[in-house]
Amino acid sequence: PRTCPDYLVADKGYSSRANRALLRRRGISHTIAQPSDQAANRRRKGSAGGRPVGFNKARYARRNVVERSFCQVKQWRGLATRYDKHARNYAGALNLAALLTWLP
């Protein structure tokens, strides 16, 4: 069975009213950074601009760990260029790269 995540952390590229509404409808709490132009537009409108979006700095800071992990795995040339023809071979190479990267 599919499970629903407890929360979602995303960067500014996913900051849209539609994305936030979808997450709210599904009951998923989220931390999505707001682009400066959206924040400035909301402030310019004053009280008609609505409330500022909620933002959890500590939760967003943990996103950096995930981004750096993906960056380390992408350093493997075979994974970055996807030389493998079959998905199972690519998945095996990805598992191997992850093990060698994160195990001491």
PDB file of N, CA and C in Angstrom:
ATOM      1  N   PRO A   1       0.825  -1.199   0.000  1.00  0.00           N
ATOM      2  CA  PRO A   1       0.000   0.000   0.000  1.00  0.00           C
ATOM      3  C   PRO A   1       0.865   1.257   0.000  1.00  0.00           C
ATOM      4  N   ARG A   2       0.382   2.267  -0.698  1.00  0.00           N
ATOM      5  CA  ARG A   2       1.093   3.538  -0.740  1.00  0.00           C
ATOM      6  C   ARG A   2       0.891   4.275   0.568  1.00  0.00           C
ATOM      7  N   THR A   3       1.927   4.910   1.019  1.00  0.00           N
ATOM      8  CA  THR A   3       1.826   5.688   2.248  1.00  0.00           C
ATOM      9  C   THR A   3       2.042   7.158   1.932  1.00  0.00           C
ATOM     10  N   CYS A   4       1.519   7.982   2.773  1.00  0.00           N
ATOM     11  CA  CYS A   4       1.612   9.424   2.614  1.00  0.00           C
ATOM     12  C   CYS A   4       2.732   9.936   3.525  1.00  0.00           C
ATOM     13  N   PRO A   5       3.621  10.804   3.040  1.00  0.00           N
ATOM     14  CA  PRO A   5       4.685  11.304   3.907  1.00  0.00           C
ATOM     15  C   PRO A   5       4.132  12.214   5.001  1.00  0.00           C
ATOM     16  N   ASP A   6       4.866  12.296   6.117  1.00  0.00           N
ATOM     17  CA  ASP A   6       4.458  13.183   7.205  1.00  0.00           C
ATOM     18  C   ASP A   6       4.664  14.640   6.823  1.00  0.00           C
ATOM     19  N   TYR A   7       5.789  14.919   6.181  1.00  0.00           N
ATOM     20  CA  TYR A   7       6.042  16.289   5.746  1.00  0.00           C
ATOM     21  C   TYR A   7       6.905  16.285   4.497  1.00  0.00           C
ATOM     22  N   LEU A   8       6.926  17.422   3.816  1.00  0.00           N
ATOM     23  CA  LEU A   8       7.671  17.565   2.580  1.00  0.00           C
ATOM     24  C   LEU A   8       8.513  18.830   2.674  1.00  0.00           C
ATOM     25  N   VAL A   9       9.751  18.748   2.235  1.00  0.00           N
ATOM     26  CA  VAL A   9      10.635  19.907   2.192  1.00  0.00           C
ATOM     27  C   VAL A   9      11.034  20.104   0.736  1.00  0.00           C
ATOM     28  N   ALA A  10      10.826  21.320   0.209  1.00  0.00           N
ATOM     29  CA  ALA A  10      11.124  21.589  -1.192  1.00  0.00           C
ATOM     30  C   ALA A  10      11.766  22.963  -1.332  1.00  0.00           C
ATOM     31  N   ASP A  11      12.403  23.193  -2.486  1.00  0.00           N
ATOM     32  CA  ASP A  11      13.042  24.483  -2.700  1.00  0.00           C
ATOM     33  C   ASP A  11      12.077  25.473  -3.344  1.00  0.00           C
ATOM     34  N   LYS A  12      12.590  26.639  -3.684  1.00  0.00           N
ATOM     35  CA  LYS A  12      11.743  27.734  -4.168  1.00  0.00           C
ATOM     36  C   LYS A  12      11.037  27.422  -5.486  1.00  0.00           C
ATOM     37  N   GLY A  13      11.564  26.488  -6.242  1.00  0.00           N
ATOM     38  CA  GLY A  13      10.956  26.142  -7.522  1.00  0.00           C
ATOM     39  C   GLY A  13       9.565  25.530  -7.383  1.00  0.00           C
ATOM     40  N   TYR A  14       9.250  25.003  -6.215  1.00  0.00           N
ATOM     41  CA  TYR A  14       7.957  24.356  -5.985  1.00  0.00           C
ATOM     42  C   TYR A  14       6.999  25.238  -5.200  1.00  0.00           C
ATOM     43  N   SER A  15       7.354  26.504  -5.032  1.00  0.00           N
ATOM     44  CA  SER A  15       6.521  27.411  -4.256  1.00  0.00           C
ATOM     45  C   SER A  15       5.422  27.986  -5.142  1.00  0.00           C
ATOM     46  N   SER A  16       4.299  27.325  -5.174  1.00  0.00           N
ATOM     47  CA  SER A  16       3.146  27.847  -5.905  1.00  0.00           C
ATOM     48  C   SER A  16       1.901  27.611  -5.064  1.00  0.00           C
ATOM     49  N   ARG A  17       0.914  28.403  -5.330  1.00  0.00           N
ATOM     50  CA  ARG A  17      -0.338  28.282  -4.589  1.00  0.00           C
ATOM     51  C   ARG A  17      -0.964  26.905  -4.805  1.00  0.00           C
ATOM     52  N   ALA A  18      -0.866  26.401  -6.034  1.00  0.00           N
ATOM     53  CA  ALA A  18      -1.456  25.098  -6.360  1.00  0.00           C
ATOM     54  C   ALA A  18      -0.756  23.968  -5.599  1.00  0.00           C
ATOM     55  N   ASN A  19       0.575  24.007  -5.538  1.00  0.00           N
ATOM     56  CA  ASN A  19       1.312  22.960  -4.814  1.00  0.00           C
ATOM     57  C   ASN A  19       0.977  22.977  -3.334  1.00  0.00           C
ATOM     58  N   ARG A  20       0.937  24.166  -2.749  1.00  0.00           N
ATOM     59  CA  ARG A  20       0.630  24.273  -1.321  1.00  0.00           C
ATOM     60  C   ARG A  20      -0.801  23.806  -1.032  1.00  0.00           C
ATOM     61  N   ALA A  21      -1.730  24.140  -1.922  1.00  0.00           N
ATOM     62  CA  ALA A  21      -3.125  23.723  -1.730  1.00  0.00           C
ATOM     63  C   ALA A  21      -3.252  22.198  -1.822  1.00  0.00           C
ATOM     64  N   LEU A  22      -2.541  21.595  -2.764  1.00  0.00           N
ATOM     65  CA  LEU A  22      -2.574  20.136  -2.905  1.00  0.00           C
ATOM     66  C   LEU A  22      -2.043  19.456  -1.645  1.00  0.00           C
ATOM     67  N   LEU A  23      -0.939  19.959  -1.113  1.00  0.00           N
ATOM     68  CA  LEU A  23      -0.373  19.378   0.106  1.00  0.00           C
ATOM     69  C   LEU A  23      -1.319  19.557   1.286  1.00  0.00           C
ATOM     70  N   ARG A  24      -1.946  20.719   1.380  1.00  0.00           N
ATOM     71  CA  ARG A  24      -2.910  20.957   2.462  1.00  0.00           C
ATOM     72  C   ARG A  24      -4.094  20.009   2.361  1.00  0.00           C
ATOM     73  N   ARG A  25      -4.595  19.812   1.128  1.00  0.00           N
ATOM     74  CA  ARG A  25      -5.731  18.906   0.922  1.00  0.00           C
ATOM     75  C   ARG A  25      -5.397  17.486   1.349  1.00  0.00           C
ATOM     76  N   ARG A  26      -4.175  17.071   1.102  1.00  0.00           N
ATOM     77  CA  ARG A  26      -3.763  15.713   1.454  1.00  0.00           C
ATOM     78  C   ARG A  26      -3.277  15.593   2.889  1.00  0.00           C
ATOM     79  N   GLY A  27      -3.239  16.689   3.613  1.00  0.00           N
ATOM     80  CA  GLY A  27      -2.843  16.654   5.019  1.00  0.00           C
ATOM     81  C   GLY A  27      -1.349  16.485   5.236  1.00  0.00           C
ATOM     82  N   ILE A  28      -0.551  16.949   4.295  1.00  0.00           N
ATOM     83  CA  ILE A  28       0.905  16.843   4.399  1.00  0.00           C
ATOM     84  C   ILE A  28       1.455  18.205   4.803  1.00  0.00           C
ATOM     85  N   SER A  29       2.135  18.250   5.954  1.00  0.00           N
ATOM     86  CA  SER A  29       2.754  19.518   6.333  1.00  0.00           C
ATOM     87  C   SER A  29       3.970  19.733   5.443  1.00  0.00           C
ATOM     88  N   HIS A  30       4.291  20.984   5.171  1.00  0.00           N
ATOM     89  CA  HIS A  30       5.352  21.262   4.215  1.00  0.00           C
ATOM     90  C   HIS A  30       6.184  22.464   4.634  1.00  0.00           C
ATOM     91  N   THR A  31       7.413  22.461   4.162  1.00  0.00           N
ATOM     92  CA  THR A  31       8.320  23.587   4.311  1.00  0.00           C
ATOM     93  C   THR A  31       8.860  23.873   2.924  1.00  0.00           C
ATOM     94  N   ILE A  32       8.367  24.946   2.331  1.00  0.00           N
ATOM     95  CA  ILE A  32       8.787  25.343   0.994  1.00  0.00           C
ATOM     96  C   ILE A  32       9.238  26.795   1.070  1.00  0.00           C
ATOM     97  N   ALA A  33      10.466  27.055   0.648  1.00  0.00           N
ATOM     98  CA  ALA A  33      10.976  28.422   0.666  1.00  0.00           C
ATOM     99  C   ALA A  33      10.169  29.277  -0.305  1.00  0.00           C
ATOM    100  N   GLN A  34       9.989  30.534   0.057  1.00  0.00           N
ATOM    101  CA  GLN A  34       9.219  31.446  -0.785  1.00  0.00           C
ATOM    102  C   GLN A  34      10.181  32.352  -1.553  1.00  0.00           C
ATOM    103  N   PRO A  35      10.062  32.430  -2.876  1.00  0.00           N
ATOM    104  CA  PRO A  35      10.929  33.319  -3.644  1.00  0.00           C
ATOM    105  C   PRO A  35      10.738  34.776  -3.224  1.00  0.00           C
ATOM    106  N   SER A  36      11.794  35.555  -3.353  1.00  0.00           N
ATOM    107  CA  SER A  36      11.741  36.944  -2.892  1.00  0.00           C
ATOM    108  C   SER A  36      10.712  37.763  -3.665  1.00  0.00           C
ATOM    109  N   ASP A  37      10.497  37.458  -4.955  1.00  0.00           N
ATOM    110  CA  ASP A  37       9.510  38.234  -5.706  1.00  0.00           C
ATOM    111  C   ASP A  37       8.086  37.960  -5.223  1.00  0.00           C
ATOM    112  N   GLN A  38       7.805  36.724  -4.818  1.00  0.00           N
ATOM    113  CA  GLN A  38       6.475  36.416  -4.283  1.00  0.00           C
ATOM    114  C   GLN A  38       6.261  37.096  -2.939  1.00  0.00           C
ATOM    115  N   ALA A  39       7.300  37.102  -2.102  1.00  0.00           N
ATOM    116  CA  ALA A  39       7.194  37.752  -0.796  1.00  0.00           C
ATOM    117  C   ALA A  39       7.022  39.257  -0.967  1.00  0.00           C
ATOM    118  N   ALA A  40       7.764  39.857  -1.900  1.00  0.00           N
ATOM    119  CA  ALA A  40       7.657  41.301  -2.136  1.00  0.00           C
ATOM    120  C   ALA A  40       6.276  41.651  -2.672  1.00  0.00           C
ATOM    121  N   ASN A  41       5.736  40.821  -3.543  1.00  0.00           N
ATOM    122  CA  ASN A  41       4.403  41.068  -4.096  1.00  0.00           C
ATOM    123  C   ASN A  41       3.342  40.992  -3.001  1.00  0.00           C
ATOM    124  N   ARG A  42       3.495  40.025  -2.095  1.00  0.00           N
ATOM    125  CA  ARG A  42       2.547  39.893  -0.995  1.00  0.00           C
ATOM    126  C   ARG A  42       2.626  41.112  -0.077  1.00  0.00           C
ATOM    127  N   ARG A  43       3.839  41.564   0.226  1.00  0.00           N
ATOM    128  CA  ARG A  43       4.003  42.744   1.085  1.00  0.00           C
ATOM    129  C   ARG A  43       3.462  43.999   0.407  1.00  0.00           C
ATOM    130  N   ARG A  44       3.639  44.100  -0.916  1.00  0.00           N
ATOM    131  CA  ARG A  44       3.162  45.268  -1.655  1.00  0.00           C
ATOM    132  C   ARG A  44       1.642  45.382  -1.592  1.00  0.00           C
ATOM    133  N   LYS A  45       0.964  44.228  -1.606  1.00  0.00           N
ATOM    134  CA  LYS A  45      -0.496  44.230  -1.562  1.00  0.00           C
ATOM    135  C   LYS A  45      -1.031  44.566  -0.178  1.00  0.00           C
ATOM    136  N   GLY A  46      -0.190  44.481   0.827  1.00  0.00           N
ATOM    137  CA  GLY A  46      -0.625  44.794   2.187  1.00  0.00           C
ATOM    138  C   GLY A  46      -1.525  43.707   2.742  1.00  0.00           C
ATOM    139  N   SER A  47      -2.597  44.117   3.418  1.00  0.00           N
ATOM    140  CA  SER A  47      -3.476  43.142   4.062  1.00  0.00           C
ATOM    141  C   SER A  47      -4.208  42.269   3.039  1.00  0.00           C
ATOM    142  N   ALA A  48      -4.354  42.745   1.805  1.00  0.00           N
ATOM    143  CA  ALA A  48      -5.016  41.949   0.767  1.00  0.00           C
ATOM    144  C   ALA A  48      -4.089  40.859   0.226  1.00  0.00           C
ATOM    145  N   GLY A  49      -2.809  40.931   0.556  1.00  0.00           N
ATOM    146  CA  GLY A  49      -1.844  39.957   0.048  1.00  0.00           C
ATOM    147  C   GLY A  49      -1.876  38.635   0.779  1.00  0.00           C
ATOM    148  N   GLY A  50      -2.591  38.564   1.889  1.00  0.00           N
ATOM    149  CA  GLY A  50      -2.690  37.316   2.634  1.00  0.00           C
ATOM    150  C   GLY A  50      -1.589  37.162   3.666  1.00  0.00           C
ATOM    151  N   ARG A  51      -1.664  36.058   4.382  1.00  0.00           N
ATOM    152  CA  ARG A  51      -0.674  35.786   5.429  1.00  0.00           C
ATOM    153  C   ARG A  51       0.622  35.289   4.809  1.00  0.00           C
ATOM    154  N   PRO A  52       1.736  35.511   5.491  1.00  0.00           N
ATOM    155  CA  PRO A  52       2.986  34.915   5.017  1.00  0.00           C
ATOM    156  C   PRO A  52       2.929  33.392   5.165  1.00  0.00           C
ATOM    157  N   VAL A  53       3.595  32.700   4.267  1.00  0.00           N
ATOM    158  CA  VAL A  53       3.589  31.240   4.338  1.00  0.00           C
ATOM    159  C   VAL A  53       4.424  30.785   5.522  1.00  0.00           C
ATOM    160  N   GLY A  54       4.051  29.645   6.104  1.00  0.00           N
ATOM    161  CA  GLY A  54       4.815  29.099   7.218  1.00  0.00           C
ATOM    162  C   GLY A  54       6.151  28.557   6.732  1.00  0.00           C
ATOM    163  N   PHE A  55       7.176  28.733   7.540  1.00  0.00           N
ATOM    164  CA  PHE A  55       8.508  28.275   7.149  1.00  0.00           C
ATOM    165  C   PHE A  55       9.255  27.806   8.380  1.00  0.00           C
ATOM    166  N   ASN A  56       9.737  26.561   8.345  1.00  0.00           N
ATOM    167  CA  ASN A  56      10.478  25.972   9.452  1.00  0.00           C
ATOM    168  C   ASN A  56      11.955  25.934   9.061  1.00  0.00           C
ATOM    169  N   LYS A  57      12.752  26.853   9.629  1.00  0.00           N
ATOM    170  CA  LYS A  57      14.163  26.968   9.255  1.00  0.00           C
ATOM    171  C   LYS A  57      14.962  25.709   9.565  1.00  0.00           C
ATOM    172  N   ALA A  58      14.712  25.107  10.717  1.00  0.00           N
ATOM    173  CA  ALA A  58      15.470  23.917  11.120  1.00  0.00           C
ATOM    174  C   ALA A  58      15.191  22.751  10.174  1.00  0.00           C
ATOM    175  N   ARG A  59      13.944  22.583   9.795  1.00  0.00           N
ATOM    176  CA  ARG A  59      13.582  21.492   8.887  1.00  0.00           C
ATOM    177  C   ARG A  59      14.168  21.738   7.497  1.00  0.00           C
ATOM    178  N   TYR A  60      14.155  22.990   7.050  1.00  0.00           N
ATOM    179  CA  TYR A  60      14.689  23.316   5.729  1.00  0.00           C
ATOM    180  C   TYR A  60      16.204  23.123   5.688  1.00  0.00           C
ATOM    181  N   ALA A  61      16.877  23.371   6.806  1.00  0.00           N
ATOM    182  CA  ALA A  61      18.331  23.207   6.858  1.00  0.00           C
ATOM    183  C   ALA A  61      18.720  21.746   6.673  1.00  0.00           C
ATOM    184  N   ARG A  62      17.877  20.830   7.100  1.00  0.00           N
ATOM    185  CA  ARG A  62      18.167  19.399   6.932  1.00  0.00           C
ATOM    186  C   ARG A  62      18.106  18.983   5.462  1.00  0.00           C
ATOM    187  N   ARG A  63      17.454  19.770   4.628  1.00  0.00           N
ATOM    188  CA  ARG A  63      17.362  19.483   3.205  1.00  0.00           C
ATOM    189  C   ARG A  63      18.755  19.502   2.564  1.00  0.00           C
ATOM    190  N   ASN A  64      19.641  20.313   3.102  1.00  0.00           N
ATOM    191  CA  ASN A  64      20.993  20.424   2.582  1.00  0.00           C
ATOM    192  C   ASN A  64      21.728  19.088   2.637  1.00  0.00           C
ATOM    193  N   VAL A  65      21.486  18.297   3.658  1.00  0.00           N
ATOM    194  CA  VAL A  65      22.131  16.984   3.791  1.00  0.00           C
ATOM    195  C   VAL A  65      21.734  16.088   2.623  1.00  0.00           C
ATOM    196  N   VAL A  66      20.469  16.105   2.278  1.00  0.00           N
ATOM    197  CA  VAL A  66      19.977  15.277   1.168  1.00  0.00           C
ATOM    198  C   VAL A  66      20.571  15.755  -0.153  1.00  0.00           C
ATOM    199  N   GLU A  67      20.608  17.069  -0.360  1.00  0.00           N
ATOM    200  CA  GLU A  67      21.154  17.616  -1.602  1.00  0.00           C
ATOM    201  C   GLU A  67      22.629  17.257  -1.765  1.00  0.00           C
ATOM    202  N   ARG A  68      23.404  17.336  -0.696  1.00  0.00           N
ATOM    203  CA  ARG A  68      24.822  16.987  -0.773  1.00  0.00           C
ATOM    204  C   ARG A  68      25.007  15.500  -1.042  1.00  0.00           C
ATOM    205  N   SER A  69      24.119  14.670  -0.499  1.00  0.00           N
ATOM    206  CA  SER A  69      24.206  13.227  -0.745  1.00  0.00           C
ATOM    207  C   SER A  69      23.980  12.914  -2.220  1.00  0.00           C
ATOM    208  N   PHE A  70      22.979  13.555  -2.815  1.00  0.00           N
ATOM    209  CA  PHE A  70      22.734  13.350  -4.243  1.00  0.00           C
ATOM    210  C   PHE A  70      23.922  13.836  -5.065  1.00  0.00           C
ATOM    211  N   CYS A  71      24.524  14.933  -4.647  1.00  0.00           N
ATOM    212  CA  CYS A  71      25.678  15.473  -5.360  1.00  0.00           C
ATOM    213  C   CYS A  71      26.841  14.488  -5.327  1.00  0.00           C
ATOM    214  N   GLN A  72      27.069  13.855  -4.193  1.00  0.00           N
ATOM    215  CA  GLN A  72      28.165  12.890  -4.083  1.00  0.00           C
ATOM    216  C   GLN A  72      27.932  11.680  -4.985  1.00  0.00           C
ATOM    217  N   VAL A  73      26.703  11.222  -5.053  1.00  0.00           N
ATOM    218  CA  VAL A  73      26.406  10.065  -5.904  1.00  0.00           C
ATOM    219  C   VAL A  73      26.537  10.447  -7.377  1.00  0.00           C
ATOM    220  N   LYS A  74      26.172  11.670  -7.728  1.00  0.00           N
ATOM    221  CA  LYS A  74      26.247  12.100  -9.126  1.00  0.00           C
ATOM    222  C   LYS A  74      27.682  12.303  -9.604  1.00  0.00           C
ATOM    223  N   GLN A  75      28.643  12.276  -8.683  1.00  0.00           N
ATOM    224  CA  GLN A  75      30.048  12.376  -9.077  1.00  0.00           C
ATOM    225  C   GLN A  75      30.505  11.117  -9.819  1.00  0.00           C
ATOM    226  N   TRP A  76      29.763  10.040  -9.660  1.00  0.00           N
ATOM    227  CA  TRP A  76      30.087   8.809 -10.375  1.00  0.00           C
ATOM    228  C   TRP A  76      29.689   8.996 -11.839  1.00  0.00           C
ATOM    229  N   ARG A  77      30.656   8.917 -12.723  1.00  0.00           N
ATOM    230  CA  ARG A  77      30.426   9.227 -14.128  1.00  0.00           C
ATOM    231  C   ARG A  77      29.381   8.320 -14.781  1.00  0.00           C
ATOM    232  N   GLY A  78      29.433   7.047 -14.470  1.00  0.00           N
ATOM    233  CA  GLY A  78      28.483   6.107 -15.067  1.00  0.00           C
ATOM    234  C   GLY A  78      27.050   6.376 -14.651  1.00  0.00           C
ATOM    235  N   LEU A  79      26.868   6.888 -13.439  1.00  0.00           N
ATOM    236  CA  LEU A  79      25.518   7.213 -12.979  1.00  0.00           C
ATOM    237  C   LEU A  79      25.042   8.538 -13.563  1.00  0.00           C
ATOM    238  N   ALA A  80      25.950   9.496 -13.640  1.00  0.00           N
ATOM    239  CA  ALA A  80      25.567  10.820 -14.127  1.00  0.00           C
ATOM    240  C   ALA A  80      25.152  10.775 -15.593  1.00  0.00           C
ATOM    241  N   THR A  81      25.816   9.929 -16.386  1.00  0.00           N
ATOM    242  CA  THR A  81      25.496   9.867 -17.814  1.00  0.00           C
ATOM    243  C   THR A  81      24.553   8.733 -18.170  1.00  0.00           C
ATOM    244  N   ARG A  82      24.246   7.873 -17.196  1.00  0.00           N
ATOM    245  CA  ARG A  82      23.318   6.750 -17.384  1.00  0.00           C
ATOM    246  C   ARG A  82      23.736   5.868 -18.555  1.00  0.00           C
ATOM    247  N   TYR A  83      24.941   5.286 -18.434  1.00  0.00           N
ATOM    248  CA  TYR A  83      25.445   4.383 -19.467  1.00  0.00           C
ATOM    249  C   TYR A  83      24.675   3.071 -19.514  1.00  0.00           C
ATOM    250  N   ASP A  84      24.106   2.668 -18.399  1.00  0.00           N
ATOM    251  CA  ASP A  84      23.450   1.363 -18.336  1.00  0.00           C
ATOM    252  C   ASP A  84      22.196   1.334 -19.194  1.00  0.00           C
ATOM    253  N   LYS A  85      22.025   0.219 -19.895  1.00  0.00           N
ATOM    254  CA  LYS A  85      20.879   0.075 -20.782  1.00  0.00           C
ATOM    255  C   LYS A  85      19.623  -0.327 -20.013  1.00  0.00           C
ATOM    256  N   HIS A  86      19.784  -1.166 -18.992  1.00  0.00           N
ATOM    257  CA  HIS A  86      18.641  -1.683 -18.248  1.00  0.00           C
ATOM    258  C   HIS A  86      18.520  -1.006 -16.886  1.00  0.00           C
ATOM    259  N   ALA A  87      17.308  -0.860 -16.435  1.00  0.00           N
ATOM    260  CA  ALA A  87      17.050  -0.183 -15.163  1.00  0.00           C
ATOM    261  C   ALA A  87      17.646  -0.945 -13.986  1.00  0.00           C
ATOM    262  N   ARG A  88      17.626  -2.274 -14.048  1.00  0.00           N
ATOM    263  CA  ARG A  88      18.164  -3.052 -12.920  1.00  0.00           C
ATOM    264  C   ARG A  88      19.670  -2.857 -12.787  1.00  0.00           C
ATOM    265  N   ASN A  89      20.375  -2.695 -13.913  1.00  0.00           N
ATOM    266  CA  ASN A  89      21.817  -2.438 -13.852  1.00  0.00           C
ATOM    267  C   ASN A  89      22.093  -1.055 -13.264  1.00  0.00           C
ATOM    268  N   TYR A  90      21.284  -0.093 -13.659  1.00  0.00           N
ATOM    269  CA  TYR A  90      21.435   1.268 -13.130  1.00  0.00           C
ATOM    270  C   TYR A  90      21.148   1.282 -11.632  1.00  0.00           C
ATOM    271  N   ALA A  91      20.109   0.565 -11.212  1.00  0.00           N
ATOM    272  CA  ALA A  91      19.775   0.500  -9.785  1.00  0.00           C
ATOM    273  C   ALA A  91      20.900  -0.164  -8.997  1.00  0.00           C
ATOM    274  N   GLY A  92      21.503  -1.189  -9.561  1.00  0.00           N
ATOM    275  CA  GLY A  92      22.627  -1.846  -8.899  1.00  0.00           C
ATOM    276  C   GLY A  92      23.822  -0.916  -8.761  1.00  0.00           C
ATOM    277  N   ALA A  93      24.115  -0.167  -9.817  1.00  0.00           N
ATOM    278  CA  ALA A  93      25.224   0.791  -9.764  1.00  0.00           C
ATOM    279  C   ALA A  93      24.933   1.897  -8.761  1.00  0.00           C
ATOM    280  N   LEU A  94      23.685   2.319  -8.699  1.00  0.00           N
ATOM    281  CA  LEU A  94      23.296   3.355  -7.737  1.00  0.00           C
ATOM    282  C   LEU A  94      23.462   2.851  -6.308  1.00  0.00           C
ATOM    283  N   ASN A  95      23.054   1.617  -6.057  1.00  0.00           N
ATOM    284  CA  ASN A  95      23.231   1.030  -4.722  1.00  0.00           C
ATOM    285  C   ASN A  95      24.709   0.907  -4.360  1.00  0.00           C
ATOM    286  N   LEU A  96      25.516   0.476  -5.309  1.00  0.00           N
ATOM    287  CA  LEU A  96      26.952   0.346  -5.065  1.00  0.00           C
ATOM    288  C   LEU A  96      27.583   1.706  -4.764  1.00  0.00           C
ATOM    289  N   ALA A  97      27.231   2.707  -5.547  1.00  0.00           N
ATOM    290  CA  ALA A  97      27.774   4.052  -5.327  1.00  0.00           C
ATOM    291  C   ALA A  97      27.358   4.589  -3.964  1.00  0.00           C
ATOM    292  N   ALA A  98      26.107   4.361  -3.597  1.00  0.00           N
ATOM    293  CA  ALA A  98      25.627   4.839  -2.299  1.00  0.00           C
ATOM    294  C   ALA A  98      26.363   4.147  -1.156  1.00  0.00           C
ATOM    295  N   LEU A  99      26.557   2.845  -1.275  1.00  0.00           N
ATOM    296  CA  LEU A  99      27.274   2.108  -0.226  1.00  0.00           C
ATOM    297  C   LEU A  99      28.713   2.588  -0.083  1.00  0.00           C
ATOM    298  N   LEU A 100      29.406   2.728  -1.199  1.00  0.00           N
ATOM    299  CA  LEU A 100      30.806   3.145  -1.137  1.00  0.00           C
ATOM    300  C   LEU A 100      30.963   4.603  -0.705  1.00  0.00           C
ATOM    301  N   THR A 101      29.966   5.413  -0.981  1.00  0.00           N
ATOM    302  CA  THR A 101      30.032   6.826  -0.608  1.00  0.00           C
ATOM    303  C   THR A 101      29.753   7.024   0.869  1.00  0.00           C
ATOM    304  N   TRP A 102      28.760   6.331   1.405  1.00  0.00           N
ATOM    305  CA  TRP A 102      28.304   6.631   2.760  1.00  0.00           C
ATOM    306  C   TRP A 102      28.846   5.704   3.835  1.00  0.00           C
ATOM    307  N   LEU A 103      29.438   4.587   3.446  1.00  0.00           N
ATOM    308  CA  LEU A 103      30.064   3.738   4.459  1.00  0.00           C
ATOM    309  C   LEU A 103      31.505   4.202   4.655  1.00  0.00           C
ATOM    310  N   PRO A 104      31.980   4.215   5.887  1.00  0.00           N
ATOM    311  CA  PRO A 104      33.352   4.707   6.125  1.00  0.00           C
ATOM    312  C   PRO A 104      34.410   3.793   5.567  1.00  0.00           C
TER     313      PRO A 104
END
